[in-house]
Amino acid sequence: MRRNERMISASFGLPIMFIVVMLVAGPIVRAQASDFALSAIPSNLCVNPGVNAVSSINIQSVGGFAGIVNLGDSVGPAVADGPTLSPIPSSVTLAGGQTVSFNLTIFTTTSTPPYLYTITVSGLYGATIHQTTVQLTVAAGCSVGGMTLPLNEQAIFRSLASMTLLAGAIVALGAGLLVFRGRYGRSKVP
């Protein structure tokens, strides 16, 4: 074999070997890691002081996860007469594809200070920890007839956007009237 033939052979050999290995090995398939997920529905609540709120906590198997998930909860900030929580299960056992749910009741008193509180529910399996939060606003005017009104961020945003557009239109109209008055509103005194 001459020198040029060896170079051509060596330069084609590596890519051909790579193609052969890929064809023999087959496609690379990545399996979804098994895990669990936590969620809270609704995750935003608003109540008057003295009115209780309820959120459904869901623990879901992902990718065939099966095991015992240890649970804990907390309220922040910790203040005198702040919200308290109903007892929750200390753990739940999930089978592959299963979702376990329970209601978390958040209690307030008439002495609960108006504030935005964060309720955190944590799930622990081995070294894996996941959390979900519920934002609880305690303020006058949140509850109607003892019912809890979930905050709807989209409706609030649409209302604010509408008010901003209306304010802009009023300002533009006022500016237009000032310009009009400046040009045509003055009477000329001889």
C-alpha atoms as a PDB file:
ATOM      1  CA  MET A   1       0.000   0.000   0.000  1.00  0.00           C
ATOM      2  CA  ARG A   2       1.395   3.367  -0.960  1.00  0.00           C
ATOM      3  CA  ARG A   3       1.460   6.375   1.347  1.00  0.00           C
ATOM      4  CA  ASN A   4      -1.504   8.181  -0.303  1.00  0.00           C
ATOM      5  CA  GLU A   5      -3.625   5.033  -0.146  1.00  0.00           C
ATOM      6  CA  ARG A   6      -3.013   4.748   3.623  1.00  0.00           C
ATOM      7  CA  MET A   7      -4.114   8.351   4.196  1.00  0.00           C
ATOM      8  CA  ILE A   8      -7.314   7.812   2.255  1.00  0.00           C
ATOM      9  CA  SER A   9      -7.937   4.545   4.063  1.00  0.00           C
ATOM     10  CA  ALA A  10      -7.335   6.102   7.488  1.00  0.00           C
ATOM     11  CA  SER A  11      -9.480   9.163   6.787  1.00  0.00           C
ATOM     12  CA  PHE A  12     -12.452   7.021   5.701  1.00  0.00           C
ATOM     13  CA  GLY A  13     -11.982   4.319   8.329  1.00  0.00           C
ATOM     14  CA  LEU A  14     -13.048   6.300  11.409  1.00  0.00           C
ATOM     15  CA  PRO A  15     -16.328   7.685   9.987  1.00  0.00           C
ATOM     16  CA  ILE A  16     -17.248   4.271   8.567  1.00  0.00           C
ATOM     17  CA  MET A  17     -16.565   2.617  11.924  1.00  0.00           C
ATOM     18  CA  PHE A  18     -18.739   5.255  13.656  1.00  0.00           C
ATOM     19  CA  ILE A  19     -21.620   4.592  11.231  1.00  0.00           C
ATOM     20  CA  VAL A  20     -21.332   0.816  11.748  1.00  0.00           C
ATOM     21  CA  VAL A  21     -21.377   1.224  15.555  1.00  0.00           C
ATOM     22  CA  MET A  22     -24.447   3.487  15.395  1.00  0.00           C
ATOM     23  CA  LEU A  23     -26.305   1.043  13.138  1.00  0.00           C
ATOM     24  CA  VAL A  24     -25.513  -1.916  15.387  1.00  0.00           C
ATOM     25  CA  ALA A  25     -26.260  -0.061  18.621  1.00  0.00           C
ATOM     26  CA  GLY A  26     -29.567   1.288  17.350  1.00  0.00           C
ATOM     27  CA  PRO A  27     -31.181   4.585  18.244  1.00  0.00           C
ATOM     28  CA  ILE A  28     -30.440   6.171  21.590  1.00  0.00           C
ATOM     29  CA  VAL A  29     -33.586   6.105  23.701  1.00  0.00           C
ATOM     30  CA  ARG A  30     -33.790   8.141  26.870  1.00  0.00           C
ATOM     31  CA  ALA A  31     -36.222   6.860  29.426  1.00  0.00           C
ATOM     32  CA  GLN A  32     -38.213   9.402  31.391  1.00  0.00           C
ATOM     33  CA  ALA A  33     -36.855   9.511  34.911  1.00  0.00           C
ATOM     34  CA  SER A  34     -39.367   8.431  37.504  1.00  0.00           C
ATOM     35  CA  ASP A  35     -40.241  11.194  39.910  1.00  0.00           C
ATOM     36  CA  PHE A  36     -43.203  12.778  41.649  1.00  0.00           C
ATOM     37  CA  ALA A  37     -44.816  16.202  41.313  1.00  0.00           C
ATOM     38  CA  LEU A  38     -46.692  18.403  43.797  1.00  0.00           C
ATOM     39  CA  SER A  39     -49.372  20.936  42.901  1.00  0.00           C
ATOM     40  CA  ALA A  40     -51.963  23.063  44.694  1.00  0.00           C
ATOM     41  CA  ILE A  41     -55.372  23.986  43.253  1.00  0.00           C
ATOM     42  CA  PRO A  42     -56.183  26.820  43.619  1.00  0.00           C
ATOM     43  CA  SER A  43     -52.747  28.242  44.321  1.00  0.00           C
ATOM     44  CA  ASN A  44     -53.944  31.820  44.972  1.00  0.00           C
ATOM     45  CA  LEU A  45     -56.629  32.567  47.537  1.00  0.00           C
ATOM     46  CA  CYS A  46     -58.012  35.713  49.147  1.00  0.00           C
ATOM     47  CA  VAL A  47     -60.031  35.771  52.383  1.00  0.00           C
ATOM     48  CA  ASN A  48     -61.270  38.249  54.952  1.00  0.00           C
ATOM     49  CA  PRO A  49     -59.758  37.854  58.423  1.00  0.00           C
ATOM     50  CA  GLY A  50     -61.779  35.152  60.215  1.00  0.00           C
ATOM     51  CA  VAL A  51     -62.640  33.220  57.023  1.00  0.00           C
ATOM     52  CA  ASN A  52     -61.023  29.854  56.224  1.00  0.00           C
ATOM     53  CA  ALA A  53     -59.666  28.814  52.823  1.00  0.00           C
ATOM     54  CA  VAL A  54     -59.220  25.368  51.227  1.00  0.00           C
ATOM     55  CA  SER A  55     -56.733  24.236  48.583  1.00  0.00           C
ATOM     56  CA  SER A  56     -56.443  20.746  47.098  1.00  0.00           C
ATOM     57  CA  ILE A  57     -52.892  19.360  47.316  1.00  0.00           C
ATOM     58  CA  ASN A  58     -52.025  16.793  44.638  1.00  0.00           C
ATOM     59  CA  ILE A  59     -49.053  14.398  44.650  1.00  0.00           C
ATOM     60  CA  GLN A  60     -48.623  12.763  41.230  1.00  0.00           C
ATOM     61  CA  SER A  61     -46.457   9.875  40.052  1.00  0.00           C
ATOM     62  CA  VAL A  62     -44.367  10.857  37.006  1.00  0.00           C
ATOM     63  CA  GLY A  63     -42.665   8.334  34.731  1.00  0.00           C
ATOM     64  CA  GLY A  64     -43.871   5.321  36.709  1.00  0.00           C
ATOM     65  CA  PHE A  65     -42.629   6.561  40.080  1.00  0.00           C
ATOM     66  CA  ALA A  66     -43.699   4.368  42.994  1.00  0.00           C
ATOM     67  CA  GLY A  67     -42.767   4.975  46.603  1.00  0.00           C
ATOM     68  CA  ILE A  68     -43.512   6.678  49.888  1.00  0.00           C
ATOM     69  CA  VAL A  69     -43.352  10.494  49.814  1.00  0.00           C
ATOM     70  CA  ASN A  70     -42.918  12.186  53.204  1.00  0.00           C
ATOM     71  CA  LEU A  71     -44.849  15.447  53.553  1.00  0.00           C
ATOM     72  CA  GLY A  72     -44.503  18.635  55.569  1.00  0.00           C
ATOM     73  CA  ASP A  73     -46.042  22.111  55.531  1.00  0.00           C
ATOM     74  CA  SER A  74     -45.325  25.625  56.746  1.00  0.00           C
ATOM     75  CA  VAL A  75     -46.733  29.176  56.732  1.00  0.00           C
ATOM     76  CA  GLY A  76     -44.649  32.263  56.164  1.00  0.00           C
ATOM     77  CA  PRO A  77     -44.172  34.768  57.501  1.00  0.00           C
ATOM     78  CA  ALA A  78     -44.688  33.514  61.034  1.00  0.00           C
ATOM     79  CA  VAL A  79     -46.616  36.266  62.818  1.00  0.00           C
ATOM     80  CA  ALA A  80     -48.757  36.452  65.941  1.00  0.00           C
ATOM     81  CA  ASP A  81     -52.331  35.336  65.125  1.00  0.00           C
ATOM     82  CA  GLY A  82     -51.213  34.336  61.612  1.00  0.00           C
ATOM     83  CA  PRO A  83     -52.934  31.623  59.590  1.00  0.00           C
ATOM     84  CA  THR A  84     -52.768  28.031  60.823  1.00  0.00           C
ATOM     85  CA  LEU A  85     -53.069  24.817  58.817  1.00  0.00           C
ATOM     86  CA  SER A  86     -55.140  21.676  59.154  1.00  0.00           C
ATOM     87  CA  PRO A  87     -53.152  18.493  59.791  1.00  0.00           C
ATOM     88  CA  ILE A  88     -51.910  16.805  56.600  1.00  0.00           C
ATOM     89  CA  PRO A  89     -50.790  13.210  56.104  1.00  0.00           C
ATOM     90  CA  SER A  90     -47.189  12.679  57.217  1.00  0.00           C
ATOM     91  CA  SER A  91     -46.641  10.572  54.070  1.00  0.00           C
ATOM     92  CA  VAL A  92     -48.440   9.181  51.036  1.00  0.00           C
ATOM     93  CA  THR A  93     -47.734   5.974  49.128  1.00  0.00           C
ATOM     94  CA  LEU A  94     -47.818   6.338  45.353  1.00  0.00           C
ATOM     95  CA  ALA A  95     -48.112   3.536  42.820  1.00  0.00           C
ATOM     96  CA  GLY A  96     -46.927   4.100  39.249  1.00  0.00           C
ATOM     97  CA  GLY A  97     -49.245   6.517  37.433  1.00  0.00           C
ATOM     98  CA  GLN A  98     -51.240   7.331  40.583  1.00  0.00           C
ATOM     99  CA  THR A  99     -52.232  10.742  41.971  1.00  0.00           C
ATOM    100  CA  VAL A 100     -53.098  11.206  45.643  1.00  0.00           C
ATOM    101  CA  SER A 101     -54.991  14.326  46.723  1.00  0.00           C
ATOM    102  CA  PHE A 102     -56.086  15.842  50.013  1.00  0.00           C
ATOM    103  CA  ASN A 103     -57.583  19.139  51.129  1.00  0.00           C
ATOM    104  CA  LEU A 104     -55.474  21.604  53.062  1.00  0.00           C
ATOM    105  CA  THR A 105     -57.590  23.980  55.146  1.00  0.00           C
ATOM    106  CA  ILE A 106     -56.046  27.321  56.055  1.00  0.00           C
ATOM    107  CA  PHE A 107     -57.592  28.876  59.165  1.00  0.00           C
ATOM    108  CA  THR A 108     -57.657  32.602  59.945  1.00  0.00           C
ATOM    109  CA  THR A 109     -59.156  34.512  62.860  1.00  0.00           C
ATOM    110  CA  THR A 110     -60.562  38.009  63.011  1.00  0.00           C
ATOM    111  CA  SER A 111     -57.192  38.935  64.570  1.00  0.00           C
ATOM    112  CA  THR A 112     -55.144  37.605  61.620  1.00  0.00           C
ATOM    113  CA  PRO A 113     -53.139  40.548  60.266  1.00  0.00           C
ATOM    114  CA  PRO A 114     -53.868  41.529  56.655  1.00  0.00           C
ATOM    115  CA  TYR A 115     -50.913  40.279  54.609  1.00  0.00           C
ATOM    116  CA  LEU A 116     -49.814  38.041  51.760  1.00  0.00           C
ATOM    117  CA  TYR A 117     -48.924  34.660  53.310  1.00  0.00           C
ATOM    118  CA  THR A 118     -47.120  31.800  51.589  1.00  0.00           C
ATOM    119  CA  ILE A 119     -48.157  28.266  52.516  1.00  0.00           C
ATOM    120  CA  THR A 120     -45.570  25.696  51.421  1.00  0.00           C
ATOM    121  CA  VAL A 121     -46.186  21.943  51.164  1.00  0.00           C
ATOM    122  CA  SER A 122     -43.015  19.880  50.719  1.00  0.00           C
ATOM    123  CA  GLY A 123     -42.608  16.286  49.566  1.00  0.00           C
ATOM    124  CA  LEU A 124     -39.438  14.279  50.215  1.00  0.00           C
ATOM    125  CA  TYR A 125     -38.368  10.951  48.711  1.00  0.00           C
ATOM    126  CA  GLY A 126     -34.756   9.981  49.369  1.00  0.00           C
ATOM    127  CA  ALA A 127     -32.702  13.020  48.370  1.00  0.00           C
ATOM    128  CA  THR A 128     -35.457  14.392  46.105  1.00  0.00           C
ATOM    129  CA  ILE A 129     -37.578  17.247  47.420  1.00  0.00           C
ATOM    130  CA  HIS A 130     -40.400  19.055  45.641  1.00  0.00           C
ATOM    131  CA  GLN A 131     -42.570  21.905  46.875  1.00  0.00           C
ATOM    132  CA  THR A 132     -45.782  23.634  45.964  1.00  0.00           C
ATOM    133  CA  THR A 133     -47.065  26.910  47.349  1.00  0.00           C
ATOM    134  CA  VAL A 134     -50.399  28.549  48.022  1.00  0.00           C
ATOM    135  CA  GLN A 135     -50.470  32.339  48.145  1.00  0.00           C
ATOM    136  CA  LEU A 136     -53.058  33.484  50.692  1.00  0.00           C
ATOM    137  CA  THR A 137     -54.060  37.132  50.787  1.00  0.00           C
ATOM    138  CA  VAL A 138     -55.828  38.111  54.001  1.00  0.00           C
ATOM    139  CA  ALA A 139     -57.587  41.442  53.456  1.00  0.00           C
ATOM    140  CA  ALA A 140     -60.973  43.075  53.917  1.00  0.00           C
ATOM    141  CA  GLY A 141     -63.227  42.658  50.900  1.00  0.00           C
ATOM    142  CA  CYS A 142     -61.830  39.319  49.682  1.00  0.00           C
ATOM    143  CA  SER A 143     -64.658  37.000  50.773  1.00  0.00           C
ATOM    144  CA  VAL A 144     -68.301  37.116  49.748  1.00  0.00           C
ATOM    145  CA  GLY A 145     -70.800  35.462  52.082  1.00  0.00           C
ATOM    146  CA  GLY A 146     -68.088  33.318  53.676  1.00  0.00           C
ATOM    147  CA  MET A 147     -66.928  31.946  50.302  1.00  0.00           C
ATOM    148  CA  THR A 148     -63.290  32.201  49.308  1.00  0.00           C
ATOM    149  CA  LEU A 149     -62.625  33.967  46.057  1.00  0.00           C
ATOM    150  CA  PRO A 150     -59.601  32.615  44.158  1.00  0.00           C
ATOM    151  CA  LEU A 151     -57.534  35.413  42.687  1.00  0.00           C
ATOM    152  CA  ASN A 152     -57.665  35.406  38.921  1.00  0.00           C
ATOM    153  CA  GLU A 153     -54.458  37.019  37.681  1.00  0.00           C
ATOM    154  CA  GLN A 154     -55.684  37.220  34.069  1.00  0.00           C
ATOM    155  CA  ALA A 155     -58.867  39.088  35.021  1.00  0.00           C
ATOM    156  CA  ILE A 156     -56.882  41.493  37.192  1.00  0.00           C
ATOM    157  CA  PHE A 157     -54.388  42.083  34.365  1.00  0.00           C
ATOM    158  CA  ARG A 158     -57.187  42.706  31.831  1.00  0.00           C
ATOM    159  CA  SER A 159     -58.833  45.197  34.236  1.00  0.00           C
ATOM    160  CA  LEU A 160     -55.558  47.041  34.778  1.00  0.00           C
ATOM    161  CA  ALA A 161     -54.848  47.087  31.043  1.00  0.00           C
ATOM    162  CA  SER A 162     -58.339  48.479  30.341  1.00  0.00           C
ATOM    163  CA  MET A 163     -57.916  51.179  32.977  1.00  0.00           C
ATOM    164  CA  THR A 164     -54.505  52.109  31.558  1.00  0.00           C
ATOM    165  CA  LEU A 165     -55.936  52.419  28.044  1.00  0.00           C
ATOM    166  CA  LEU A 166     -58.836  54.519  29.333  1.00  0.00           C
ATOM    167  CA  ALA A 167     -56.474  56.826  31.243  1.00  0.00           C
ATOM    168  CA  GLY A 168     -54.314  57.185  28.111  1.00  0.00           C
ATOM    169  CA  ALA A 169     -57.363  58.080  26.014  1.00  0.00           C
ATOM    170  CA  ILE A 170     -58.451  60.720  28.541  1.00  0.00           C
ATOM    171  CA  VAL A 171     -54.980  62.264  28.588  1.00  0.00           C
ATOM    172  CA  ALA A 172     -54.836  62.308  24.779  1.00  0.00           C
ATOM    173  CA  LEU A 173     -58.293  63.908  24.585  1.00  0.00           C
ATOM    174  CA  GLY A 174     -57.302  66.547  27.134  1.00  0.00           C
ATOM    175  CA  ALA A 175     -54.107  67.325  25.234  1.00  0.00           C
ATOM    176  CA  GLY A 176     -56.069  67.595  22.000  1.00  0.00           C
ATOM    177  CA  LEU A 177     -58.509  70.038  23.586  1.00  0.00           C
ATOM    178  CA  LEU A 178     -55.656  72.184  24.897  1.00  0.00           C
ATOM    179  CA  VAL A 179     -54.072  72.356  21.446  1.00  0.00           C
ATOM    180  CA  PHE A 180     -57.438  73.152  19.859  1.00  0.00           C
ATOM    181  CA  ARG A 181     -58.146  75.874  22.432  1.00  0.00           C
ATOM    182  CA  GLY A 182     -54.664  77.276  21.974  1.00  0.00           C
ATOM    183  CA  ARG A 183     -55.183  77.655  18.228  1.00  0.00           C
ATOM    184  CA  TYR A 184     -58.833  78.564  17.983  1.00  0.00           C
ATOM    185  CA  GLY A 185     -60.112  79.336  21.465  1.00  0.00           C
ATOM    186  CA  ARG A 186     -58.633  82.771  22.006  1.00  0.00           C
ATOM    187  CA  SER A 187     -60.677  85.684  20.902  1.00  0.00           C
ATOM    188  CA  LYS A 188     -58.826  88.474  19.248  1.00  0.00           C
ATOM    189  CA  VAL A 189     -59.416  91.771  20.892  1.00  0.00           C
ATOM    190  CA  PRO A 190     -58.969  94.824  18.583  1.00  0.00           C
END
